[in-house]
């Protein structure tokens, strides 16, 4: 399976799974995996070991009603 890691990612899905499965203190894991304790806490609280999307959740532009209708039809046809 081909995975796409973000360029700035310091952990892999395998490391993230190890973080989630471990009961060791965050400071120990951070030192072992070369990350911060904040990163350890983040991955412990996530349900998945995969990166989340960095795409904006809100459209940064306004559409005319005609453009919006075209976008809705295009989105519905991709389902």
C-alpha atoms as a PDB file:
ATOM      1  CA  UNK A   1       0.000   0.000   0.000  1.00  0.00           C
ATOM      2  CA  UNK A   2       1.322   3.395  -0.953  1.00  0.00           C
ATOM      3  CA  UNK A   3       1.086   5.985   1.804  1.00  0.00           C
ATOM      4  CA  UNK A   4       1.611   9.697   1.461  1.00  0.00           C
ATOM      5  CA  UNK A   5       3.319  11.335   4.413  1.00  0.00           C
ATOM      6  CA  UNK A   6       3.448  15.071   4.715  1.00  0.00           C
ATOM      7  CA  UNK A   7       6.936  16.453   4.207  1.00  0.00           C
ATOM      8  CA  UNK A   8       7.108  17.760   7.783  1.00  0.00           C
ATOM      9  CA  UNK A   9       5.843  14.514   9.366  1.00  0.00           C
ATOM     10  CA  UNK A  10       8.226  13.272  12.051  1.00  0.00           C
ATOM     11  CA  UNK A  11       6.323  10.048  12.652  1.00  0.00           C
ATOM     12  CA  UNK A  12       5.095   7.205  10.462  1.00  0.00           C
ATOM     13  CA  UNK A  13       1.870   5.220  10.886  1.00  0.00           C
ATOM     14  CA  UNK A  14       3.928   2.421  12.475  1.00  0.00           C
ATOM     15  CA  UNK A  15       5.412   4.805  15.064  1.00  0.00           C
ATOM     16  CA  UNK A  16       1.995   6.363  15.691  1.00  0.00           C
ATOM     17  CA  UNK A  17       0.496   2.915  16.347  1.00  0.00           C
ATOM     18  CA  UNK A  18       3.310   2.192  18.798  1.00  0.00           C
ATOM     19  CA  UNK A  19       2.595   5.486  20.575  1.00  0.00           C
ATOM     20  CA  UNK A  20      -1.101   4.639  20.837  1.00  0.00           C
ATOM     21  CA  UNK A  21      -0.418   1.119  22.141  1.00  0.00           C
ATOM     22  CA  UNK A  22       2.230   2.126  24.670  1.00  0.00           C
ATOM     23  CA  UNK A  23       1.530   2.814  28.321  1.00  0.00           C
ATOM     24  CA  UNK A  24       4.868   4.526  28.893  1.00  0.00           C
ATOM     25  CA  UNK A  25       5.036   8.194  29.926  1.00  0.00           C
ATOM     26  CA  UNK A  26       4.939  10.765  27.146  1.00  0.00           C
ATOM     27  CA  UNK A  27       8.425  12.028  28.025  1.00  0.00           C
ATOM     28  CA  UNK A  28       9.935   8.566  27.463  1.00  0.00           C
ATOM     29  CA  UNK A  29       8.149   8.097  24.144  1.00  0.00           C
ATOM     30  CA  UNK A  30       9.052  11.607  22.968  1.00  0.00           C
ATOM     31  CA  UNK A  31      12.718  10.933  23.596  1.00  0.00           C
ATOM     32  CA  UNK A  32      12.578   7.498  21.961  1.00  0.00           C
ATOM     33  CA  UNK A  33      10.863   8.685  18.785  1.00  0.00           C
ATOM     34  CA  UNK A  34      12.510  12.121  18.550  1.00  0.00           C
ATOM     35  CA  UNK A  35       9.299  14.124  18.901  1.00  0.00           C
ATOM     36  CA  UNK A  36       7.767  16.414  21.480  1.00  0.00           C
ATOM     37  CA  UNK A  37       5.472  15.361  24.292  1.00  0.00           C
ATOM     38  CA  UNK A  38       2.728  17.375  22.576  1.00  0.00           C
ATOM     39  CA  UNK A  39       3.041  15.097  19.536  1.00  0.00           C
ATOM     40  CA  UNK A  40       2.745  12.038  21.770  1.00  0.00           C
ATOM     41  CA  UNK A  41      -0.414  13.410  23.398  1.00  0.00           C
ATOM     42  CA  UNK A  42      -1.872  14.270  19.997  1.00  0.00           C
ATOM     43  CA  UNK A  43      -1.436  10.762  18.596  1.00  0.00           C
ATOM     44  CA  UNK A  44      -2.653   9.097  21.784  1.00  0.00           C
ATOM     45  CA  UNK A  45      -5.979  10.918  21.489  1.00  0.00           C
ATOM     46  CA  UNK A  46      -6.569  10.208  17.803  1.00  0.00           C
ATOM     47  CA  UNK A  47      -8.633   7.288  16.536  1.00  0.00           C
ATOM     48  CA  UNK A  48      -6.454   6.720  13.486  1.00  0.00           C
ATOM     49  CA  UNK A  49      -2.738   6.663  12.699  1.00  0.00           C
ATOM     50  CA  UNK A  50      -3.185   8.474   9.379  1.00  0.00           C
ATOM     51  CA  UNK A  51      -2.597  12.151   8.675  1.00  0.00           C
ATOM     52  CA  UNK A  52      -5.619  14.390   8.554  1.00  0.00           C
ATOM     53  CA  UNK A  53      -6.319  16.571   5.565  1.00  0.00           C
ATOM     54  CA  UNK A  54      -4.729  19.996   5.477  1.00  0.00           C
ATOM     55  CA  UNK A  55      -7.297  21.230   2.971  1.00  0.00           C
ATOM     56  CA  UNK A  56      -9.276  24.246   4.073  1.00  0.00           C
ATOM     57  CA  UNK A  57     -12.692  23.345   5.432  1.00  0.00           C
ATOM     58  CA  UNK A  58     -14.221  26.599   4.283  1.00  0.00           C
ATOM     59  CA  UNK A  59     -14.228  27.960   0.775  1.00  0.00           C
ATOM     60  CA  UNK A  60     -12.132  31.130   0.686  1.00  0.00           C
ATOM     61  CA  UNK A  61     -14.152  32.735  -2.096  1.00  0.00           C
ATOM     62  CA  UNK A  62     -17.718  33.638  -2.877  1.00  0.00           C
ATOM     63  CA  UNK A  63     -19.600  32.133  -5.778  1.00  0.00           C
ATOM     64  CA  UNK A  64     -22.418  33.559  -7.815  1.00  0.00           C
ATOM     65  CA  UNK A  65     -25.635  31.520  -7.645  1.00  0.00           C
ATOM     66  CA  UNK A  66     -24.896  30.128 -11.125  1.00  0.00           C
ATOM     67  CA  UNK A  67     -21.365  29.068 -10.142  1.00  0.00           C
ATOM     68  CA  UNK A  68     -22.676  27.478  -6.947  1.00  0.00           C
ATOM     69  CA  UNK A  69     -25.261  25.481  -8.914  1.00  0.00           C
ATOM     70  CA  UNK A  70     -22.537  24.165 -11.236  1.00  0.00           C
ATOM     71  CA  UNK A  71     -20.338  23.212  -8.263  1.00  0.00           C
ATOM     72  CA  UNK A  72     -23.206  21.367  -6.554  1.00  0.00           C
ATOM     73  CA  UNK A  73     -24.026  19.406  -9.707  1.00  0.00           C
ATOM     74  CA  UNK A  74     -20.343  18.544 -10.214  1.00  0.00           C
ATOM     75  CA  UNK A  75     -19.985  17.399  -6.595  1.00  0.00           C
ATOM     76  CA  UNK A  76     -23.125  15.264  -6.797  1.00  0.00           C
ATOM     77  CA  UNK A  77     -21.915  13.569  -9.990  1.00  0.00           C
ATOM     78  CA  UNK A  78     -18.669  12.500  -8.222  1.00  0.00           C
ATOM     79  CA  UNK A  79     -20.505  10.587  -5.508  1.00  0.00           C
END
